[in-house]
């Protein structure tokens, strides 16, 4: 309670308040975990898109190492990594629906980490997260992968539905070749 009453000589008022709030909550609670994550690490930009059976998460993190991705059946997606300058990146998302952890895939590139999260059943989610509020500012729609429900069958081109590309438009394993979609396939010719 000293954060609300008292002396902030050794540290700023914001740090003191966060420390006291963490101390006041159960160390295993989601509130305490959120405060610790905000205090101790950074959040990479996360882009998302979906299909009826999958969710695609693109985590924008250059030269990441010690990457850990964990998927739990009730819809919890957890990510942690160390950045190029040894910064710790970490976040957890409580997804809108249940998922199949054994079918989730992760592919590491130089500029991003691409995760395919398999939904437990077919169906379009109205949003990415279970909570109805506005998502965190680091979560954004991936308009390059976005597909509307009625457009999905026309756009299915490969098993995974992903073209793993880096930020500069090049494919992640293409030896510098530029990825260009087959426009005749897209038009249906």
N, C-alpha and C. Protein backbone atom coordinates (compact mmCIF):
# COMPACT_ATOMS: atom_id res chain seq x y z
N UNK A 1 0.81 -1.19 0.00
CA UNK A 1 0.00 0.00 0.00
C UNK A 1 0.85 1.26 0.00
N UNK A 2 2.13 1.12 0.20
CA UNK A 2 2.98 2.30 0.26
C UNK A 2 2.97 3.07 -1.06
N UNK A 3 2.61 2.40 -2.15
CA UNK A 3 2.58 3.08 -3.44
C UNK A 3 1.52 4.17 -3.48
N UNK A 4 0.49 3.98 -2.68
CA UNK A 4 -0.60 4.93 -2.71
C UNK A 4 -0.44 6.01 -1.63
N UNK A 5 0.40 5.75 -0.65
CA UNK A 5 0.55 6.68 0.45
C UNK A 5 1.85 7.43 0.36
N UNK A 6 2.91 6.69 0.03
CA UNK A 6 4.15 7.14 0.56
C UNK A 6 5.28 7.56 -0.30
N UNK A 7 6.41 7.26 0.21
CA UNK A 7 7.71 7.75 -0.16
C UNK A 7 8.21 7.04 -1.42
N UNK A 8 8.55 7.81 -2.45
CA UNK A 8 9.04 7.26 -3.70
C UNK A 8 10.47 7.71 -3.97
N UNK A 9 11.29 7.74 -2.96
CA UNK A 9 12.62 8.30 -3.12
C UNK A 9 13.56 7.41 -3.92
N UNK A 10 13.54 6.10 -3.69
CA UNK A 10 14.50 5.21 -4.34
C UNK A 10 14.13 4.93 -5.80
N UNK A 11 12.86 4.98 -6.13
CA UNK A 11 12.43 4.68 -7.48
C UNK A 11 11.26 5.58 -7.83
N UNK A 12 10.95 5.67 -9.11
CA UNK A 12 9.85 6.53 -9.54
C UNK A 12 8.51 5.98 -9.07
N UNK A 13 7.49 6.81 -9.05
CA UNK A 13 6.19 6.37 -8.58
C UNK A 13 5.60 5.24 -9.42
N UNK A 14 5.84 5.23 -10.74
CA UNK A 14 5.28 4.19 -11.59
C UNK A 14 5.88 2.82 -11.25
N UNK A 15 7.20 2.75 -11.07
CA UNK A 15 7.85 1.49 -10.73
C UNK A 15 7.39 0.99 -9.37
N UNK A 16 7.24 1.90 -8.44
CA UNK A 16 6.80 1.54 -7.10
C UNK A 16 5.38 0.99 -7.12
N UNK A 17 4.52 1.62 -7.89
CA UNK A 17 3.13 1.16 -7.97
C UNK A 17 3.07 -0.23 -8.59
N UNK A 18 3.79 -0.44 -9.67
CA UNK A 18 3.80 -1.76 -10.31
C UNK A 18 4.34 -2.81 -9.36
N UNK A 19 5.45 -2.52 -8.68
CA UNK A 19 6.03 -3.48 -7.72
C UNK A 19 5.03 -3.81 -6.62
N UNK A 20 4.37 -2.80 -6.07
CA UNK A 20 3.40 -3.03 -5.00
C UNK A 20 2.18 -3.80 -5.49
N UNK A 21 1.72 -3.53 -6.70
CA UNK A 21 0.58 -4.27 -7.23
C UNK A 21 0.93 -5.74 -7.44
N UNK A 22 2.14 -6.00 -7.91
CA UNK A 22 2.56 -7.40 -8.06
C UNK A 22 2.62 -8.07 -6.70
N UNK A 23 3.16 -7.38 -5.70
CA UNK A 23 3.25 -7.94 -4.35
C UNK A 23 1.88 -8.21 -3.75
N UNK A 24 0.90 -7.36 -4.07
CA UNK A 24 -0.44 -7.49 -3.48
C UNK A 24 -1.24 -8.65 -4.09
N UNK A 25 -0.90 -9.08 -5.32
CA UNK A 25 -1.65 -10.15 -5.97
C UNK A 25 -0.95 -11.48 -5.76
N UNK A 26 -1.69 -12.52 -5.96
CA UNK A 26 -1.13 -13.86 -5.91
C UNK A 26 -0.09 -13.97 -7.02
N UNK A 27 1.08 -14.50 -6.73
CA UNK A 27 2.17 -14.53 -7.70
C UNK A 27 1.84 -15.36 -8.94
N UNK A 28 0.85 -16.24 -8.87
CA UNK A 28 0.49 -17.08 -10.01
C UNK A 28 -0.74 -16.57 -10.75
N UNK A 29 -1.33 -15.48 -10.31
CA UNK A 29 -2.53 -14.96 -10.96
C UNK A 29 -2.20 -14.34 -12.30
N UNK A 30 -3.20 -14.28 -13.16
CA UNK A 30 -2.98 -13.70 -14.49
C UNK A 30 -2.69 -12.21 -14.39
N UNK A 31 -3.22 -11.53 -13.39
CA UNK A 31 -2.94 -10.11 -13.20
C UNK A 31 -1.47 -9.90 -12.87
N UNK A 32 -0.95 -10.67 -11.94
CA UNK A 32 0.46 -10.56 -11.57
C UNK A 32 1.36 -10.91 -12.75
N UNK A 33 0.99 -11.93 -13.50
CA UNK A 33 1.76 -12.33 -14.69
C UNK A 33 1.78 -11.19 -15.71
N UNK A 34 0.65 -10.54 -15.91
CA UNK A 34 0.59 -9.42 -16.87
C UNK A 34 1.47 -8.26 -16.41
N UNK A 35 1.45 -7.94 -15.11
CA UNK A 35 2.30 -6.87 -14.59
C UNK A 35 3.78 -7.22 -14.75
N UNK A 36 4.14 -8.49 -14.47
CA UNK A 36 5.54 -8.90 -14.62
C UNK A 36 5.98 -8.82 -16.08
N UNK A 37 5.11 -9.25 -17.00
CA UNK A 37 5.45 -9.19 -18.42
C UNK A 37 5.65 -7.74 -18.86
N UNK A 38 4.78 -6.85 -18.41
CA UNK A 38 4.90 -5.44 -18.79
C UNK A 38 6.17 -4.83 -18.23
N UNK A 39 6.54 -5.26 -17.04
CA UNK A 39 7.73 -4.71 -16.40
C UNK A 39 9.01 -5.28 -16.97
N UNK A 40 9.02 -6.57 -17.30
CA UNK A 40 10.26 -7.27 -17.61
C UNK A 40 10.57 -7.47 -19.09
N UNK A 41 9.62 -7.28 -19.99
CA UNK A 41 9.91 -7.63 -21.37
C UNK A 41 9.17 -6.73 -22.36
N UNK A 42 9.50 -6.94 -23.61
CA UNK A 42 8.90 -6.18 -24.70
C UNK A 42 7.92 -7.08 -25.45
N UNK A 43 7.05 -6.47 -26.23
CA UNK A 43 6.11 -7.23 -27.04
C UNK A 43 6.43 -6.99 -28.52
N UNK A 44 6.65 -8.06 -29.28
CA UNK A 44 6.83 -7.87 -30.72
C UNK A 44 5.47 -7.63 -31.39
N UNK A 45 5.48 -7.07 -32.57
CA UNK A 45 4.24 -6.91 -33.32
C UNK A 45 3.76 -8.29 -33.74
N UNK A 46 2.46 -8.55 -33.58
CA UNK A 46 1.86 -9.82 -33.95
C UNK A 46 0.75 -9.54 -34.96
N UNK A 47 0.88 -10.13 -36.15
CA UNK A 47 -0.14 -10.00 -37.18
C UNK A 47 -0.93 -11.30 -37.23
N UNK A 48 -2.25 -11.20 -37.42
CA UNK A 48 -3.06 -12.42 -37.45
C UNK A 48 -4.04 -12.42 -38.62
N UNK A 49 -4.33 -13.62 -39.09
CA UNK A 49 -5.36 -13.86 -40.10
C UNK A 49 -5.92 -15.25 -39.82
N UNK A 50 -7.04 -15.59 -40.43
CA UNK A 50 -7.63 -16.90 -40.17
C UNK A 50 -8.24 -17.51 -41.42
N UNK A 51 -8.42 -18.81 -41.35
CA UNK A 51 -9.22 -19.59 -42.28
C UNK A 51 -10.21 -20.35 -41.39
N UNK A 52 -11.09 -21.13 -41.99
CA UNK A 52 -12.10 -21.84 -41.21
C UNK A 52 -11.47 -22.82 -40.22
N UNK A 53 -10.30 -23.37 -40.58
CA UNK A 53 -9.68 -24.39 -39.74
C UNK A 53 -8.38 -23.96 -39.08
N UNK A 54 -7.87 -22.75 -39.37
CA UNK A 54 -6.56 -22.32 -38.88
C UNK A 54 -6.55 -20.85 -38.52
N UNK A 55 -5.59 -20.51 -37.67
CA UNK A 55 -5.25 -19.11 -37.40
C UNK A 55 -3.77 -18.95 -37.71
N UNK A 56 -3.43 -17.89 -38.42
CA UNK A 56 -2.05 -17.59 -38.76
C UNK A 56 -1.56 -16.43 -37.90
N UNK A 57 -0.45 -16.63 -37.20
CA UNK A 57 0.16 -15.58 -36.39
C UNK A 57 1.56 -15.33 -36.93
N UNK A 58 1.84 -14.09 -37.31
CA UNK A 58 3.17 -13.70 -37.78
C UNK A 58 3.77 -12.78 -36.74
N UNK A 59 4.85 -13.21 -36.12
CA UNK A 59 5.49 -12.45 -35.05
C UNK A 59 6.72 -11.76 -35.64
N UNK A 60 6.67 -10.44 -35.68
CA UNK A 60 7.73 -9.65 -36.30
C UNK A 60 8.89 -9.49 -35.32
N UNK A 61 9.91 -10.32 -35.50
CA UNK A 61 11.06 -10.30 -34.60
C UNK A 61 12.29 -10.72 -35.40
N UNK A 62 13.20 -9.78 -35.61
CA UNK A 62 14.39 -10.02 -36.42
C UNK A 62 15.46 -10.77 -35.63
N UNK A 63 16.05 -11.78 -36.26
CA UNK A 63 17.16 -12.55 -35.68
C UNK A 63 16.87 -13.05 -34.27
N UNK A 64 15.70 -13.61 -34.06
CA UNK A 64 15.33 -14.11 -32.74
C UNK A 64 16.05 -15.42 -32.43
N UNK A 65 16.28 -15.64 -31.15
CA UNK A 65 16.88 -16.89 -30.70
C UNK A 65 16.15 -17.36 -29.44
N UNK A 66 16.39 -18.58 -29.04
CA UNK A 66 15.73 -19.19 -27.88
C UNK A 66 14.21 -19.04 -27.97
N UNK A 67 13.67 -19.39 -29.12
CA UNK A 67 12.24 -19.24 -29.38
C UNK A 67 11.47 -20.40 -28.75
N UNK A 68 10.45 -20.05 -28.00
CA UNK A 68 9.57 -21.04 -27.39
C UNK A 68 8.13 -20.70 -27.72
N UNK A 69 7.42 -21.65 -28.31
CA UNK A 69 6.00 -21.49 -28.62
C UNK A 69 5.26 -22.63 -27.93
N UNK A 70 4.22 -22.28 -27.20
CA UNK A 70 3.45 -23.29 -26.49
C UNK A 70 1.98 -23.08 -26.79
N UNK A 71 1.30 -24.14 -27.20
CA UNK A 71 -0.14 -24.11 -27.46
C UNK A 71 -0.83 -25.07 -26.52
N UNK A 72 -1.91 -24.62 -25.91
CA UNK A 72 -2.68 -25.47 -25.00
C UNK A 72 -4.09 -25.64 -25.54
N UNK A 73 -4.71 -26.81 -25.33
CA UNK A 73 -6.01 -27.13 -25.94
C UNK A 73 -7.12 -26.12 -25.67
N UNK A 74 -7.14 -25.50 -24.52
CA UNK A 74 -8.22 -24.55 -24.20
C UNK A 74 -8.05 -23.21 -24.91
N UNK A 75 -6.97 -23.04 -25.71
CA UNK A 75 -6.80 -21.86 -26.53
C UNK A 75 -5.71 -20.91 -26.08
N UNK A 76 -4.86 -21.32 -25.16
CA UNK A 76 -3.78 -20.44 -24.72
C UNK A 76 -2.58 -20.61 -25.65
N UNK A 77 -2.13 -19.50 -26.23
CA UNK A 77 -0.95 -19.48 -27.09
C UNK A 77 0.10 -18.64 -26.39
N UNK A 78 1.27 -19.21 -26.10
CA UNK A 78 2.33 -18.49 -25.40
C UNK A 78 3.58 -18.47 -26.27
N UNK A 79 4.27 -17.33 -26.25
CA UNK A 79 5.47 -17.14 -27.05
C UNK A 79 6.52 -16.45 -26.21
N UNK A 80 7.77 -16.89 -26.36
CA UNK A 80 8.88 -16.17 -25.75
C UNK A 80 10.11 -16.35 -26.65
N UNK A 81 10.97 -15.33 -26.64
CA UNK A 81 12.20 -15.35 -27.44
C UNK A 81 13.13 -14.28 -26.93
N UNK A 82 14.37 -14.36 -27.40
CA UNK A 82 15.37 -13.34 -27.10
C UNK A 82 15.70 -12.67 -28.42
N UNK A 83 15.67 -11.34 -28.43
CA UNK A 83 15.92 -10.57 -29.63
C UNK A 83 17.40 -10.46 -29.96
N UNK A 84 17.70 -9.77 -31.04
CA UNK A 84 19.07 -9.61 -31.53
C UNK A 84 19.97 -8.90 -30.53
N UNK A 85 19.41 -8.00 -29.73
CA UNK A 85 20.19 -7.25 -28.74
C UNK A 85 19.95 -7.78 -27.33
N UNK A 86 19.61 -9.07 -27.23
CA UNK A 86 19.37 -9.77 -25.97
C UNK A 86 18.19 -9.21 -25.17
N UNK A 87 17.21 -8.59 -25.86
CA UNK A 87 15.98 -8.17 -25.19
C UNK A 87 15.07 -9.38 -25.08
N UNK A 88 14.34 -9.46 -24.00
CA UNK A 88 13.41 -10.57 -23.79
C UNK A 88 12.04 -10.17 -24.34
N UNK A 89 11.48 -11.01 -25.20
CA UNK A 89 10.15 -10.81 -25.76
C UNK A 89 9.25 -11.94 -25.28
N UNK A 90 8.04 -11.58 -24.88
CA UNK A 90 7.15 -12.60 -24.33
C UNK A 90 5.71 -12.10 -24.38
N UNK A 91 4.80 -13.00 -24.72
CA UNK A 91 3.38 -12.68 -24.63
C UNK A 91 2.57 -13.97 -24.59
N UNK A 92 1.36 -13.86 -24.11
CA UNK A 92 0.40 -14.96 -24.10
C UNK A 92 -0.92 -14.43 -24.63
N UNK A 93 -1.58 -15.24 -25.45
CA UNK A 93 -2.88 -14.87 -26.00
C UNK A 93 -3.89 -15.94 -25.62
N UNK A 94 -5.01 -15.53 -25.09
CA UNK A 94 -6.10 -16.46 -24.84
C UNK A 94 -7.01 -16.39 -26.05
N UNK A 95 -6.85 -17.36 -26.96
CA UNK A 95 -7.54 -17.35 -28.24
C UNK A 95 -9.04 -17.56 -28.08
N UNK A 96 -9.79 -17.16 -29.08
CA UNK A 96 -11.25 -17.18 -29.05
C UNK A 96 -11.83 -18.58 -28.84
N UNK A 97 -11.20 -19.59 -29.40
CA UNK A 97 -11.72 -20.95 -29.29
C UNK A 97 -10.64 -21.96 -28.94
N UNK A 98 -11.07 -23.23 -28.88
CA UNK A 98 -10.13 -24.30 -28.57
C UNK A 98 -9.26 -24.60 -29.79
N UNK A 99 -8.05 -25.12 -29.51
CA UNK A 99 -7.10 -25.43 -30.58
C UNK A 99 -6.55 -26.85 -30.41
N UNK A 100 -5.87 -27.34 -31.45
CA UNK A 100 -5.23 -28.65 -31.42
C UNK A 100 -3.72 -28.44 -31.33
N UNK A 101 -3.15 -28.51 -30.12
CA UNK A 101 -1.72 -28.22 -29.94
C UNK A 101 -0.80 -29.09 -30.78
N UNK A 102 -1.14 -30.35 -30.97
CA UNK A 102 -0.26 -31.26 -31.72
C UNK A 102 -0.20 -30.91 -33.21
N UNK A 103 -1.15 -30.14 -33.70
CA UNK A 103 -1.18 -29.76 -35.12
C UNK A 103 -0.66 -28.35 -35.37
N UNK A 104 -0.22 -27.67 -34.35
CA UNK A 104 0.30 -26.31 -34.51
C UNK A 104 1.72 -26.37 -35.06
N UNK A 105 2.03 -25.49 -36.01
CA UNK A 105 3.34 -25.47 -36.66
C UNK A 105 3.98 -24.11 -36.49
N UNK A 106 5.31 -24.10 -36.41
CA UNK A 106 6.07 -22.86 -36.30
C UNK A 106 7.22 -22.91 -37.30
N UNK A 107 7.41 -21.80 -38.02
CA UNK A 107 8.54 -21.70 -38.95
C UNK A 107 9.27 -20.40 -38.65
N UNK A 108 10.58 -20.52 -38.41
CA UNK A 108 11.40 -19.37 -38.10
C UNK A 108 12.03 -18.82 -39.37
N UNK A 109 11.93 -17.51 -39.55
CA UNK A 109 12.59 -16.83 -40.65
C UNK A 109 13.58 -15.82 -40.08
N UNK A 110 14.26 -15.11 -40.95
CA UNK A 110 15.21 -14.10 -40.47
C UNK A 110 14.52 -12.89 -39.85
N UNK A 111 13.36 -12.54 -40.39
CA UNK A 111 12.67 -11.33 -39.93
C UNK A 111 11.41 -11.58 -39.12
N UNK A 112 10.90 -12.81 -39.14
CA UNK A 112 9.69 -13.09 -38.39
C UNK A 112 9.54 -14.58 -38.09
N UNK A 113 8.61 -14.87 -37.20
CA UNK A 113 8.27 -16.24 -36.84
C UNK A 113 6.83 -16.43 -37.26
N UNK A 114 6.57 -17.48 -38.04
CA UNK A 114 5.24 -17.74 -38.55
C UNK A 114 4.65 -18.96 -37.87
N UNK A 115 3.50 -18.79 -37.25
CA UNK A 115 2.84 -19.88 -36.53
C UNK A 115 1.49 -20.18 -37.17
N UNK A 116 1.24 -21.45 -37.42
CA UNK A 116 -0.06 -21.90 -37.89
C UNK A 116 -0.71 -22.62 -36.72
N UNK A 117 -1.80 -22.10 -36.23
CA UNK A 117 -2.49 -22.67 -35.08
C UNK A 117 -3.76 -23.35 -35.60
N UNK A 118 -3.85 -24.65 -35.39
CA UNK A 118 -4.98 -25.43 -35.88
C UNK A 118 -6.16 -25.30 -34.92
N UNK A 119 -7.31 -24.90 -35.45
CA UNK A 119 -8.53 -24.80 -34.63
C UNK A 119 -9.04 -26.20 -34.31
N UNK A 120 -9.74 -26.33 -33.19
CA UNK A 120 -10.29 -27.62 -32.78
C UNK A 120 -11.41 -28.07 -33.72
N UNK A 121 -12.13 -27.14 -34.26
CA UNK A 121 -13.19 -27.46 -35.22
C UNK A 121 -13.24 -26.39 -36.29
N UNK A 122 -13.86 -26.73 -37.42
CA UNK A 122 -13.97 -25.73 -38.49
C UNK A 122 -14.98 -24.67 -38.08
N UNK A 123 -14.68 -23.46 -38.45
CA UNK A 123 -15.58 -22.35 -38.18
C UNK A 123 -14.80 -21.06 -38.06
N UNK A 124 -15.44 -19.97 -38.43
CA UNK A 124 -14.80 -18.66 -38.40
C UNK A 124 -15.02 -18.02 -37.05
N UNK A 125 -13.96 -17.52 -36.46
CA UNK A 125 -14.04 -16.81 -35.19
C UNK A 125 -14.39 -15.35 -35.46
N UNK A 126 -15.19 -14.78 -34.59
CA UNK A 126 -15.57 -13.38 -34.76
C UNK A 126 -14.43 -12.43 -34.39
N UNK A 127 -13.46 -12.94 -33.65
CA UNK A 127 -12.28 -12.16 -33.25
C UNK A 127 -11.17 -13.14 -32.87
N UNK A 128 -9.96 -12.65 -32.70
CA UNK A 128 -8.83 -13.50 -32.35
C UNK A 128 -8.87 -13.94 -30.90
N UNK A 129 -9.16 -13.02 -30.00
CA UNK A 129 -9.07 -13.29 -28.57
C UNK A 129 -10.42 -13.58 -27.94
N UNK A 130 -10.38 -14.30 -26.84
CA UNK A 130 -11.60 -14.62 -26.11
C UNK A 130 -12.25 -13.37 -25.54
N UNK A 131 -11.45 -12.44 -25.03
CA UNK A 131 -11.99 -11.22 -24.44
C UNK A 131 -12.60 -10.35 -25.53
N UNK A 132 -13.67 -9.65 -25.17
CA UNK A 132 -14.39 -8.85 -26.14
C UNK A 132 -13.83 -7.44 -26.29
N UNK A 133 -12.97 -7.03 -25.40
CA UNK A 133 -12.41 -5.68 -25.46
C UNK A 133 -11.44 -5.52 -26.61
N UNK A 134 -10.95 -4.31 -26.75
CA UNK A 134 -9.97 -4.01 -27.79
C UNK A 134 -8.67 -4.77 -27.49
N UNK A 135 -8.08 -5.44 -28.50
CA UNK A 135 -6.85 -6.19 -28.25
C UNK A 135 -5.67 -5.26 -27.97
N UNK A 136 -4.62 -5.83 -27.45
CA UNK A 136 -3.41 -5.06 -27.15
C UNK A 136 -2.91 -4.38 -28.42
N UNK A 137 -2.23 -3.24 -28.28
CA UNK A 137 -1.79 -2.50 -29.46
C UNK A 137 -0.76 -3.21 -30.32
N UNK A 138 -0.12 -4.24 -29.81
CA UNK A 138 0.87 -4.96 -30.61
C UNK A 138 0.22 -6.05 -31.49
N UNK A 139 -1.09 -6.26 -31.38
CA UNK A 139 -1.81 -7.25 -32.18
C UNK A 139 -2.56 -6.53 -33.29
N UNK A 140 -2.27 -6.93 -34.54
CA UNK A 140 -2.87 -6.27 -35.70
C UNK A 140 -3.32 -7.31 -36.72
N UNK A 141 -4.22 -6.92 -37.59
CA UNK A 141 -4.69 -7.80 -38.66
C UNK A 141 -3.62 -7.91 -39.74
N UNK A 142 -3.39 -9.12 -40.22
CA UNK A 142 -2.45 -9.36 -41.32
C UNK A 142 -3.23 -9.27 -42.63
N UNK A 143 -3.30 -8.09 -43.21
CA UNK A 143 -4.09 -7.88 -44.42
C UNK A 143 -3.50 -8.62 -45.61
N UNK A 144 -2.22 -8.98 -45.58
CA UNK A 144 -1.61 -9.74 -46.68
C UNK A 144 -2.11 -11.18 -46.70
N UNK A 145 -2.51 -11.72 -45.57
CA UNK A 145 -3.00 -13.10 -45.48
C UNK A 145 -4.52 -13.16 -45.27
N UNK A 146 -5.15 -12.03 -45.06
CA UNK A 146 -6.57 -12.01 -44.71
C UNK A 146 -7.41 -12.58 -45.85
N UNK A 147 -8.43 -13.32 -45.47
CA UNK A 147 -9.35 -13.92 -46.42
C UNK A 147 -10.74 -13.90 -45.78
N UNK A 148 -11.74 -13.42 -46.50
CA UNK A 148 -13.10 -13.46 -45.99
C UNK A 148 -13.66 -14.87 -46.11
N UNK A 149 -14.69 -15.17 -45.33
CA UNK A 149 -15.29 -16.50 -45.33
C UNK A 149 -15.70 -16.93 -46.74
N UNK A 150 -16.37 -16.04 -47.46
CA UNK A 150 -16.87 -16.40 -48.79
C UNK A 150 -15.78 -16.48 -49.85
N UNK A 151 -14.58 -15.95 -49.56
CA UNK A 151 -13.47 -16.01 -50.51
C UNK A 151 -12.54 -17.19 -50.25
N UNK A 152 -12.72 -17.90 -49.16
CA UNK A 152 -11.75 -18.92 -48.76
C UNK A 152 -11.57 -20.02 -49.80
N UNK A 153 -12.65 -20.58 -50.33
CA UNK A 153 -12.51 -21.70 -51.27
C UNK A 153 -11.82 -21.29 -52.55
N UNK A 154 -11.98 -20.06 -53.00
CA UNK A 154 -11.32 -19.59 -54.22
C UNK A 154 -9.83 -19.37 -54.03
N UNK A 155 -9.38 -19.12 -52.79
CA UNK A 155 -7.99 -18.79 -52.53
C UNK A 155 -7.15 -19.95 -52.03
N UNK A 156 -7.71 -21.13 -51.85
CA UNK A 156 -6.93 -22.26 -51.37
C UNK A 156 -5.99 -22.74 -52.47
N UNK A 157 -4.69 -22.55 -52.26
CA UNK A 157 -3.72 -22.93 -53.28
C UNK A 157 -2.77 -24.02 -52.82
N UNK A 158 -2.50 -24.11 -51.53
CA UNK A 158 -1.60 -25.15 -51.05
C UNK A 158 -2.11 -25.67 -49.72
N UNK A 159 -1.53 -26.76 -49.27
CA UNK A 159 -1.98 -27.45 -48.06
C UNK A 159 -2.01 -26.53 -46.85
N UNK A 160 -0.98 -25.74 -46.68
CA UNK A 160 -0.87 -24.90 -45.49
C UNK A 160 -1.49 -23.53 -45.66
N UNK A 161 -1.63 -23.07 -46.89
CA UNK A 161 -2.21 -21.77 -47.14
C UNK A 161 -1.26 -20.62 -46.89
N UNK A 162 -0.01 -20.91 -46.54
CA UNK A 162 0.94 -19.85 -46.22
C UNK A 162 2.02 -19.74 -47.28
N UNK A 163 2.33 -18.54 -47.65
CA UNK A 163 3.53 -18.26 -48.42
C UNK A 163 4.44 -17.54 -47.46
N UNK A 164 5.45 -18.21 -46.98
CA UNK A 164 6.32 -17.64 -45.96
C UNK A 164 7.21 -16.58 -46.59
N UNK A 165 6.84 -15.33 -46.40
CA UNK A 165 7.61 -14.24 -46.98
C UNK A 165 8.14 -13.35 -45.89
N UNK A 166 9.24 -12.70 -46.17
CA UNK A 166 9.81 -11.76 -45.21
C UNK A 166 9.24 -10.38 -45.46
N UNK A 167 9.60 -9.44 -44.63
CA UNK A 167 9.08 -8.08 -44.73
C UNK A 167 9.41 -7.41 -46.05
N UNK A 168 10.51 -7.79 -46.67
CA UNK A 168 10.91 -7.13 -47.90
C UNK A 168 10.27 -7.75 -49.14
N UNK A 169 9.34 -8.69 -48.95
CA UNK A 169 8.62 -9.28 -50.08
C UNK A 169 9.25 -10.54 -50.61
N UNK A 170 10.43 -10.89 -50.15
CA UNK A 170 11.10 -12.09 -50.61
C UNK A 170 10.69 -13.30 -49.80
N UNK A 171 10.73 -14.46 -50.39
CA UNK A 171 10.41 -15.68 -49.68
C UNK A 171 11.55 -16.04 -48.74
N UNK A 172 11.24 -16.73 -47.64
CA UNK A 172 12.25 -16.99 -46.61
C UNK A 172 13.32 -17.98 -47.05
N UNK A 173 13.07 -18.83 -48.03
CA UNK A 173 14.08 -19.79 -48.43
C UNK A 173 14.33 -19.77 -49.92
N UNK A 174 14.33 -18.62 -50.54
CA UNK A 174 14.32 -18.55 -51.98
C UNK A 174 15.62 -18.03 -52.59
N UNK A 175 16.67 -17.92 -51.82
CA UNK A 175 17.96 -17.44 -52.33
C UNK A 175 17.85 -16.08 -53.02
N UNK A 176 17.05 -15.19 -52.48
CA UNK A 176 16.94 -13.84 -53.01
C UNK A 176 15.91 -13.66 -54.11
N UNK A 177 15.19 -14.72 -54.47
CA UNK A 177 14.18 -14.61 -55.51
C UNK A 177 12.95 -13.89 -54.95
N UNK A 178 12.35 -13.06 -55.73
CA UNK A 178 11.15 -12.33 -55.34
C UNK A 178 9.95 -13.23 -55.53
N UNK A 179 9.05 -13.28 -54.55
CA UNK A 179 7.84 -14.08 -54.67
C UNK A 179 6.78 -13.28 -55.42
N UNK A 180 6.30 -13.84 -56.50
CA UNK A 180 5.18 -13.25 -57.24
C UNK A 180 4.11 -14.31 -57.39
N UNK A 181 2.88 -14.01 -57.03
CA UNK A 181 1.82 -15.01 -57.13
C UNK A 181 1.50 -15.32 -58.59
N UNK A 182 1.00 -16.51 -58.84
CA UNK A 182 0.57 -16.89 -60.18
C UNK A 182 -0.79 -16.24 -60.44
N UNK A 183 -0.80 -15.15 -61.18
CA UNK A 183 -2.03 -14.38 -61.38
C UNK A 183 -3.08 -15.16 -62.18
N UNK A 184 -2.65 -16.06 -63.04
CA UNK A 184 -3.61 -16.86 -63.79
C UNK A 184 -4.38 -17.79 -62.85
N UNK A 185 -3.71 -18.36 -61.85
CA UNK A 185 -4.37 -19.20 -60.86
C UNK A 185 -5.36 -18.40 -60.04
N UNK A 186 -4.96 -17.21 -59.63
CA UNK A 186 -5.82 -16.35 -58.81
C UNK A 186 -7.08 -15.99 -59.59
N UNK A 187 -6.95 -15.67 -60.87
CA UNK A 187 -8.11 -15.30 -61.70
C UNK A 187 -8.95 -16.52 -62.06
N UNK A 188 -8.40 -17.73 -61.86
CA UNK A 188 -9.16 -18.95 -62.16
C UNK A 188 -9.01 -19.43 -63.59
N UNK A 189 -8.01 -18.96 -64.32
CA UNK A 189 -7.80 -19.37 -65.73
C UNK A 189 -6.89 -20.56 -65.79
